[in-house]
Amino acid sequence: MANEAGRVSEVTGQLGDAGVDIRGFSVPETAGYSILRLVVDKPTLAYEVLEGAGFGVREEEIICIDLPDRPGGLAGTPRSSC
């Protein structure tokens, strides 16, 4: 998406209005554009909403793990929760 003020709010507003819960995100920035990566509870609906709003959308599988919320948690043995 264009690297402009308000674009992330536009995406999150569209998804919120559709009842999609954002569970995680990242926005690596480059000159001129950004890629907003989202982890949502309803990926098919999110795809349809964002594509319908004119955003370029691509769906990918991810690996999700539940880590203990403590220092060193990433170094331990995770348990699956996705």
PDB file of N, CA and C in Angstrom:
ATOM      1  N   MET A   1       0.837  -1.165   0.000  1.00  0.00           N
ATOM      2  CA  MET A   1       0.000   0.000   0.000  1.00  0.00           C
ATOM      3  C   MET A   1       0.886   1.234   0.000  1.00  0.00           C
ATOM      4  N   ALA A   2       0.314   2.337  -0.404  1.00  0.00           N
ATOM      5  CA  ALA A   2       1.065   3.583  -0.429  1.00  0.00           C
ATOM      6  C   ALA A   2       1.522   3.942   0.982  1.00  0.00           C
ATOM      7  N   ASN A   3       2.709   4.461   1.088  1.00  0.00           N
ATOM      8  CA  ASN A   3       3.280   4.856   2.367  1.00  0.00           C
ATOM      9  C   ASN A   3       2.773   6.257   2.704  1.00  0.00           C
ATOM     10  N   GLU A   4       1.497   6.327   3.097  1.00  0.00           N
ATOM     11  CA  GLU A   4       0.840   7.607   3.373  1.00  0.00           C
ATOM     12  C   GLU A   4       0.157   7.562   4.734  1.00  0.00           C
ATOM     13  N   ALA A   5       0.060   8.728   5.360  1.00  0.00           N
ATOM     14  CA  ALA A   5      -0.618   8.827   6.653  1.00  0.00           C
ATOM     15  C   ALA A   5      -2.058   8.335   6.526  1.00  0.00           C
ATOM     16  N   GLY A   6      -2.487   7.533   7.478  1.00  0.00           N
ATOM     17  CA  GLY A   6      -3.862   7.077   7.532  1.00  0.00           C
ATOM     18  C   GLY A   6      -4.167   5.774   6.824  1.00  0.00           C
ATOM     19  N   ARG A   7      -3.215   5.237   6.078  1.00  0.00           N
ATOM     20  CA  ARG A   7      -3.486   4.008   5.316  1.00  0.00           C
ATOM     21  C   ARG A   7      -3.687   2.809   6.238  1.00  0.00           C
ATOM     22  N   VAL A   8      -2.879   2.674   7.281  1.00  0.00           N
ATOM     23  CA  VAL A   8      -3.054   1.548   8.213  1.00  0.00           C
ATOM     24  C   VAL A   8      -4.401   1.671   8.917  1.00  0.00           C
ATOM     25  N   SER A   9      -4.765   2.884   9.297  1.00  0.00           N
ATOM     26  CA  SER A   9      -6.073   3.097   9.930  1.00  0.00           C
ATOM     27  C   SER A   9      -7.209   2.738   8.984  1.00  0.00           C
ATOM     28  N   GLU A  10      -7.031   3.017   7.708  1.00  0.00           N
ATOM     29  CA  GLU A  10      -8.056   2.662   6.727  1.00  0.00           C
ATOM     30  C   GLU A  10      -8.258   1.146   6.682  1.00  0.00           C
ATOM     31  N   VAL A  11      -7.159   0.405   6.635  1.00  0.00           N
ATOM     32  CA  VAL A  11      -7.237  -1.058   6.597  1.00  0.00           C
ATOM     33  C   VAL A  11      -7.857  -1.592   7.877  1.00  0.00           C
ATOM     34  N   THR A  12      -7.365  -1.138   9.021  1.00  0.00           N
ATOM     35  CA  THR A  12      -7.864  -1.665  10.285  1.00  0.00           C
ATOM     36  C   THR A  12      -9.324  -1.277  10.511  1.00  0.00           C
ATOM     37  N   GLY A  13      -9.720  -0.116  10.048  1.00  0.00           N
ATOM     38  CA  GLY A  13     -11.117   0.291  10.145  1.00  0.00           C
ATOM     39  C   GLY A  13     -12.025  -0.583   9.298  1.00  0.00           C
ATOM     40  N   GLN A  14     -11.596  -0.877   8.076  1.00  0.00           N
ATOM     41  CA  GLN A  14     -12.376  -1.753   7.191  1.00  0.00           C
ATOM     42  C   GLN A  14     -12.562  -3.120   7.837  1.00  0.00           C
ATOM     43  N   LEU A  15     -11.488  -3.661   8.387  1.00  0.00           N
ATOM     44  CA  LEU A  15     -11.571  -4.988   9.003  1.00  0.00           C
ATOM     45  C   LEU A  15     -12.414  -4.962  10.270  1.00  0.00           C
ATOM     46  N   GLY A  16     -12.265  -3.933  11.085  1.00  0.00           N
ATOM     47  CA  GLY A  16     -13.064  -3.818  12.300  1.00  0.00           C
ATOM     48  C   GLY A  16     -14.546  -3.719  11.991  1.00  0.00           C
ATOM     49  N   ASP A  17     -14.881  -2.926  10.978  1.00  0.00           N
ATOM     50  CA  ASP A  17     -16.282  -2.789  10.587  1.00  0.00           C
ATOM     51  C   ASP A  17     -16.874  -4.116  10.113  1.00  0.00           C
ATOM     52  N   ALA A  18     -16.028  -4.987   9.557  1.00  0.00           N
ATOM     53  CA  ALA A  18     -16.483  -6.288   9.063  1.00  0.00           C
ATOM     54  C   ALA A  18     -16.473  -7.359  10.152  1.00  0.00           C
ATOM     55  N   GLY A  19     -15.994  -7.013  11.354  1.00  0.00           N
ATOM     56  CA  GLY A  19     -15.961  -7.983  12.451  1.00  0.00           C
ATOM     57  C   GLY A  19     -14.754  -8.897  12.435  1.00  0.00           C
ATOM     58  N   VAL A  20     -13.678  -8.460  11.783  1.00  0.00           N
ATOM     59  CA  VAL A  20     -12.441  -9.250  11.725  1.00  0.00           C
ATOM     60  C   VAL A  20     -11.525  -8.790  12.856  1.00  0.00           C
ATOM     61  N   ASP A  21     -11.052  -9.738  13.659  1.00  0.00           N
ATOM     62  CA  ASP A  21     -10.137  -9.453  14.771  1.00  0.00           C
ATOM     63  C   ASP A  21      -8.701  -9.597  14.296  1.00  0.00           C
ATOM     64  N   ILE A  22      -7.914  -8.537  14.466  1.00  0.00           N
ATOM     65  CA  ILE A  22      -6.491  -8.575  14.111  1.00  0.00           C
ATOM     66  C   ILE A  22      -5.735  -9.093  15.324  1.00  0.00           C
ATOM     67  N   ARG A  23      -5.041 -10.205  15.154  1.00  0.00           N
ATOM     68  CA  ARG A  23      -4.307 -10.825  16.266  1.00  0.00           C
ATOM     69  C   ARG A  23      -2.835 -10.466  16.270  1.00  0.00           C
ATOM     70  N   GLY A  24      -2.333 -10.004  15.159  1.00  0.00           N
ATOM     71  CA  GLY A  24      -0.941  -9.584  15.059  1.00  0.00           C
ATOM     72  C   GLY A  24      -0.715  -8.888  13.734  1.00  0.00           C
ATOM     73  N   PHE A  25       0.331  -8.062  13.674  1.00  0.00           N
ATOM     74  CA  PHE A  25       0.640  -7.381  12.424  1.00  0.00           C
ATOM     75  C   PHE A  25       2.085  -6.902  12.416  1.00  0.00           C
ATOM     76  N   SER A  26       2.579  -6.606  11.238  1.00  0.00           N
ATOM     77  CA  SER A  26       3.868  -5.940  11.074  1.00  0.00           C
ATOM     78  C   SER A  26       3.769  -5.040   9.857  1.00  0.00           C
ATOM     79  N   VAL A  27       4.558  -3.973   9.878  1.00  0.00           N
ATOM     80  CA  VAL A  27       4.561  -3.023   8.770  1.00  0.00           C
ATOM     81  C   VAL A  27       6.008  -2.671   8.442  1.00  0.00           C
ATOM     82  N   PRO A  28       6.702  -3.546   7.700  1.00  0.00           N
ATOM     83  CA  PRO A  28       8.048  -3.172   7.260  1.00  0.00           C
ATOM     84  C   PRO A  28       7.934  -2.059   6.223  1.00  0.00           C
ATOM     85  N   GLU A  29       8.667  -1.012   6.409  1.00  0.00           N
ATOM     86  CA  GLU A  29       8.540   0.181   5.581  1.00  0.00           C
ATOM     87  C   GLU A  29       9.681   0.280   4.576  1.00  0.00           C
ATOM     88  N   THR A  30       9.338   0.698   3.377  1.00  0.00           N
ATOM     89  CA  THR A  30      10.336   1.003   2.360  1.00  0.00           C
ATOM     90  C   THR A  30       9.973   2.360   1.768  1.00  0.00           C
ATOM     91  N   ALA A  31      10.823   2.876   0.924  1.00  0.00           N
ATOM     92  CA  ALA A  31      10.550   4.177   0.298  1.00  0.00           C
ATOM     93  C   ALA A  31       9.342   4.067  -0.621  1.00  0.00           C
ATOM     94  N   GLY A  32       8.318   4.857  -0.353  1.00  0.00           N
ATOM     95  CA  GLY A  32       7.189   4.941  -1.256  1.00  0.00           C
ATOM     96  C   GLY A  32       6.028   4.004  -0.985  1.00  0.00           C
ATOM     97  N   TYR A  33       6.274   2.863  -0.370  1.00  0.00           N
ATOM     98  CA  TYR A  33       5.178   1.938  -0.099  1.00  0.00           C
ATOM     99  C   TYR A  33       5.496   1.107   1.135  1.00  0.00           C
ATOM    100  N   SER A  34       4.475   0.477   1.671  1.00  0.00           N
ATOM    101  CA  SER A  34       4.628  -0.412   2.826  1.00  0.00           C
ATOM    102  C   SER A  34       3.866  -1.698   2.563  1.00  0.00           C
ATOM    103  N   ILE A  35       4.289  -2.738   3.231  1.00  0.00           N
ATOM    104  CA  ILE A  35       3.577  -4.012   3.187  1.00  0.00           C
ATOM    105  C   ILE A  35       3.041  -4.249   4.586  1.00  0.00           C
ATOM    106  N   LEU A  36       1.733  -4.294   4.703  1.00  0.00           N
ATOM    107  CA  LEU A  36       1.091  -4.556   5.989  1.00  0.00           C
ATOM    108  C   LEU A  36       0.797  -6.043   6.056  1.00  0.00           C
ATOM    109  N   ARG A  37       1.428  -6.721   7.001  1.00  0.00           N
ATOM    110  CA  ARG A  37       1.193  -8.152   7.189  1.00  0.00           C
ATOM    111  C   ARG A  37       0.301  -8.319   8.410  1.00  0.00           C
ATOM    112  N   LEU A  38      -0.776  -9.067   8.228  1.00  0.00           N
ATOM    113  CA  LEU A  38      -1.762  -9.235   9.287  1.00  0.00           C
ATOM    114  C   LEU A  38      -1.978 -10.696   9.624  1.00  0.00           C
ATOM    115  N   VAL A  39      -2.215 -10.971  10.892  1.00  0.00           N
ATOM    116  CA  VAL A  39      -2.705 -12.268  11.352  1.00  0.00           C
ATOM    117  C   VAL A  39      -4.098 -11.986  11.889  1.00  0.00           C
ATOM    118  N   VAL A  40      -5.104 -12.614  11.284  1.00  0.00           N
ATOM    119  CA  VAL A  40      -6.500 -12.328  11.632  1.00  0.00           C
ATOM    120  C   VAL A  40      -7.249 -13.612  11.974  1.00  0.00           C
ATOM    121  N   ASP A  41      -8.401 -13.442  12.629  1.00  0.00           N
ATOM    122  CA  ASP A  41      -9.199 -14.608  13.009  1.00  0.00           C
ATOM    123  C   ASP A  41     -10.074 -15.122  11.872  1.00  0.00           C
ATOM    124  N   LYS A  42     -10.340 -14.300  10.869  1.00  0.00           N
ATOM    125  CA  LYS A  42     -11.186 -14.697   9.738  1.00  0.00           C
ATOM    126  C   LYS A  42     -10.476 -14.333   8.428  1.00  0.00           C
ATOM    127  N   PRO A  43      -9.492 -15.131   8.031  1.00  0.00           N
ATOM    128  CA  PRO A  43      -8.679 -14.757   6.875  1.00  0.00           C
ATOM    129  C   PRO A  43      -9.459 -14.631   5.568  1.00  0.00           C
ATOM    130  N   THR A  44     -10.430 -15.485   5.332  1.00  0.00           N
ATOM    131  CA  THR A  44     -11.189 -15.405   4.079  1.00  0.00           C
ATOM    132  C   THR A  44     -11.981 -14.107   4.019  1.00  0.00           C
ATOM    133  N   LEU A  45     -12.644 -13.757   5.108  1.00  0.00           N
ATOM    134  CA  LEU A  45     -13.404 -12.516   5.158  1.00  0.00           C
ATOM    135  C   LEU A  45     -12.475 -11.312   5.022  1.00  0.00           C
ATOM    136  N   ALA A  46     -11.357 -11.330   5.722  1.00  0.00           N
ATOM    137  CA  ALA A  46     -10.394 -10.224   5.633  1.00  0.00           C
ATOM    138  C   ALA A  46      -9.928 -10.035   4.195  1.00  0.00           C
ATOM    139  N   TYR A  47      -9.624 -11.127   3.526  1.00  0.00           N
ATOM    140  CA  TYR A  47      -9.191 -11.077   2.120  1.00  0.00           C
ATOM    141  C   TYR A  47     -10.268 -10.407   1.271  1.00  0.00           C
ATOM    142  N   GLU A  48     -11.504 -10.862   1.426  1.00  0.00           N
ATOM    143  CA  GLU A  48     -12.609 -10.332   0.621  1.00  0.00           C
ATOM    144  C   GLU A  48     -12.837  -8.846   0.891  1.00  0.00           C
ATOM    145  N   VAL A  49     -12.795  -8.448   2.150  1.00  0.00           N
ATOM    146  CA  VAL A  49     -13.016  -7.048   2.522  1.00  0.00           C
ATOM    147  C   VAL A  49     -11.930  -6.159   1.927  1.00  0.00           C
ATOM    148  N   LEU A  50     -10.680  -6.554   2.102  1.00  0.00           N
ATOM    149  CA  LEU A  50      -9.583  -5.717   1.632  1.00  0.00           C
ATOM    150  C   LEU A  50      -9.486  -5.688   0.111  1.00  0.00           C
ATOM    151  N   GLU A  51      -9.707  -6.819  -0.523  1.00  0.00           N
ATOM    152  CA  GLU A  51      -9.705  -6.841  -1.986  1.00  0.00           C
ATOM    153  C   GLU A  51     -10.846  -5.973  -2.519  1.00  0.00           C
ATOM    154  N   GLY A  52     -12.012  -6.063  -1.900  1.00  0.00           N
ATOM    155  CA  GLY A  52     -13.156  -5.258  -2.307  1.00  0.00           C
ATOM    156  C   GLY A  52     -12.925  -3.764  -2.122  1.00  0.00           C
ATOM    157  N   ALA A  53     -12.052  -3.408  -1.167  1.00  0.00           N
ATOM    158  CA  ALA A  53     -11.727  -2.001  -0.921  1.00  0.00           C
ATOM    159  C   ALA A  53     -10.598  -1.514  -1.824  1.00  0.00           C
ATOM    160  N   GLY A  54     -10.108  -2.390  -2.713  1.00  0.00           N
ATOM    161  CA  GLY A  54      -9.091  -1.985  -3.670  1.00  0.00           C
ATOM    162  C   GLY A  54      -7.649  -2.178  -3.235  1.00  0.00           C
ATOM    163  N   PHE A  55      -7.434  -2.863  -2.130  1.00  0.00           N
ATOM    164  CA  PHE A  55      -6.067  -3.139  -1.685  1.00  0.00           C
ATOM    165  C   PHE A  55      -5.530  -4.371  -2.396  1.00  0.00           C
ATOM    166  N   GLY A  56      -4.246  -4.382  -2.678  1.00  0.00           N
ATOM    167  CA  GLY A  56      -3.603  -5.589  -3.176  1.00  0.00           C
ATOM    168  C   GLY A  56      -3.483  -6.561  -2.008  1.00  0.00           C
ATOM    169  N   VAL A  57      -3.963  -7.778  -2.183  1.00  0.00           N
ATOM    170  CA  VAL A  57      -4.016  -8.737  -1.079  1.00  0.00           C
ATOM    171  C   VAL A  57      -3.403 -10.058  -1.513  1.00  0.00           C
ATOM    172  N   ARG A  58      -2.667 -10.670  -0.606  1.00  0.00           N
ATOM    173  CA  ARG A  58      -2.121 -12.001  -0.836  1.00  0.00           C
ATOM    174  C   ARG A  58      -2.215 -12.776   0.468  1.00  0.00           C
ATOM    175  N   GLU A  59      -2.658 -14.016   0.391  1.00  0.00           N
ATOM    176  CA  GLU A  59      -2.794 -14.861   1.578  1.00  0.00           C
ATOM    177  C   GLU A  59      -1.634 -15.854   1.608  1.00  0.00           C
ATOM    178  N   GLU A  60      -1.054 -16.012   2.783  1.00  0.00           N
ATOM    179  CA  GLU A  60       0.037 -16.970   2.969  1.00  0.00           C
ATOM    180  C   GLU A  60      -0.174 -17.712   4.273  1.00  0.00           C
ATOM    181  N   GLU A  61       0.311 -18.932   4.334  1.00  0.00           N
ATOM    182  CA  GLU A  61       0.271 -19.688   5.581  1.00  0.00           C
ATOM    183  C   GLU A  61       1.418 -19.243   6.468  1.00  0.00           C
ATOM    184  N   ILE A  62       1.183 -19.327   7.767  1.00  0.00           N
ATOM    185  CA  ILE A  62       2.217 -18.994   8.743  1.00  0.00           C
ATOM    186  C   ILE A  62       2.294 -20.105   9.779  1.00  0.00           C
ATOM    187  N   ILE A  63       3.343 -20.081  10.542  1.00  0.00           N
ATOM    188  CA  ILE A  63       3.477 -20.974  11.696  1.00  0.00           C
ATOM    189  C   ILE A  63       3.209 -20.122  12.925  1.00  0.00           C
ATOM    190  N   CYS A  64       2.308 -20.580  13.763  1.00  0.00           N
ATOM    191  CA  CYS A  64       1.933 -19.837  14.957  1.00  0.00           C
ATOM    192  C   CYS A  64       2.204 -20.711  16.176  1.00  0.00           C
ATOM    193  N   ILE A  65       2.891 -20.150  17.144  1.00  0.00           N
ATOM    194  CA  ILE A  65       3.158 -20.884  18.377  1.00  0.00           C
ATOM    195  C   ILE A  65       2.815 -20.012  19.572  1.00  0.00           C
ATOM    196  N   ASP A  66       2.443 -20.646  20.650  1.00  0.00           N
ATOM    197  CA  ASP A  66       2.121 -19.960  21.890  1.00  0.00           C
ATOM    198  C   ASP A  66       3.355 -20.033  22.780  1.00  0.00           C
ATOM    199  N   LEU A  67       3.876 -18.877  23.171  1.00  0.00           N
ATOM    200  CA  LEU A  67       5.075 -18.831  24.001  1.00  0.00           C
ATOM    201  C   LEU A  67       4.727 -18.313  25.388  1.00  0.00           C
ATOM    202  N   PRO A  68       5.431 -18.790  26.389  1.00  0.00           N
ATOM    203  CA  PRO A  68       5.216 -18.246  27.732  1.00  0.00           C
ATOM    204  C   PRO A  68       5.615 -16.770  27.752  1.00  0.00           C
ATOM    205  N   ASP A  69       4.853 -15.952  28.461  1.00  0.00           N
ATOM    206  CA  ASP A  69       5.131 -14.520  28.559  1.00  0.00           C
ATOM    207  C   ASP A  69       6.104 -14.282  29.707  1.00  0.00           C
ATOM    208  N   ARG A  70       7.366 -14.582  29.435  1.00  0.00           N
ATOM    209  CA  ARG A  70       8.425 -14.394  30.433  1.00  0.00           C
ATOM    210  C   ARG A  70       9.761 -14.298  29.703  1.00  0.00           C
ATOM    211  N   PRO A  71      10.746 -13.677  30.320  1.00  0.00           N
ATOM    212  CA  PRO A  71      12.069 -13.629  29.699  1.00  0.00           C
ATOM    213  C   PRO A  71      12.579 -15.044  29.416  1.00  0.00           C
ATOM    214  N   GLY A  72      13.090 -15.255  28.226  1.00  0.00           N
ATOM    215  CA  GLY A  72      13.588 -16.573  27.839  1.00  0.00           C
ATOM    216  C   GLY A  72      12.513 -17.485  27.295  1.00  0.00           C
ATOM    217  N   GLY A  73      11.276 -17.021  27.191  1.00  0.00           N
ATOM    218  CA  GLY A  73      10.175 -17.849  26.721  1.00  0.00           C
ATOM    219  C   GLY A  73      10.409 -18.418  25.334  1.00  0.00           C
ATOM    220  N   LEU A  74      11.044 -17.650  24.462  1.00  0.00           N
ATOM    221  CA  LEU A  74      11.319 -18.118  23.112  1.00  0.00           C
ATOM    222  C   LEU A  74      12.336 -19.256  23.104  1.00  0.00           C
ATOM    223  N   ALA A  75      13.182 -19.328  24.095  1.00  0.00           N
ATOM    224  CA  ALA A  75      14.206 -20.364  24.153  1.00  0.00           C
ATOM    225  C   ALA A  75      13.657 -21.697  24.648  1.00  0.00           C
ATOM    226  N   GLY A  76      12.454 -21.707  25.231  1.00  0.00           N
ATOM    227  CA  GLY A  76      11.865 -22.917  25.769  1.00  0.00           C
ATOM    228  C   GLY A  76      11.143 -23.723  24.699  1.00  0.00           C
ATOM    229  N   THR A  77      10.393 -24.708  25.138  1.00  0.00           N
ATOM    230  CA  THR A  77       9.622 -25.560  24.230  1.00  0.00           C
ATOM    231  C   THR A  77       8.220 -24.980  24.086  1.00  0.00           C
ATOM    232  N   PRO A  78       7.859 -24.510  22.871  1.00  0.00           N
ATOM    233  CA  PRO A  78       6.523 -23.934  22.685  1.00  0.00           C
ATOM    234  C   PRO A  78       5.446 -25.016  22.613  1.00  0.00           C
ATOM    235  N   ARG A  79       4.207 -24.615  22.837  1.00  0.00           N
ATOM    236  CA  ARG A  79       3.079 -25.514  22.657  1.00  0.00           C
ATOM    237  C   ARG A  79       2.180 -24.894  21.590  1.00  0.00           C
ATOM    238  N   SER A  80       1.609 -25.695  20.751  1.00  0.00           N
ATOM    239  CA  SER A  80       0.760 -25.197  19.670  1.00  0.00           C
ATOM    240  C   SER A  80      -0.567 -24.711  20.226  1.00  0.00           C
ATOM    241  N   SER A  81      -1.031 -23.562  19.701  1.00  0.00           N
ATOM    242  CA  SER A  81      -2.342 -23.062  20.105  1.00  0.00           C
ATOM    243  C   SER A  81      -3.132 -22.521  18.934  1.00  0.00           C
ATOM    244  N   CYS A  82      -2.634 -22.713  17.735  1.00  0.00           N
ATOM    245  CA  CYS A  82      -3.297 -22.108  16.579  1.00  0.00           C
ATOM    246  C   CYS A  82      -4.228 -23.053  15.943  1.00  0.00           C
TER     247      CYS A  82
END
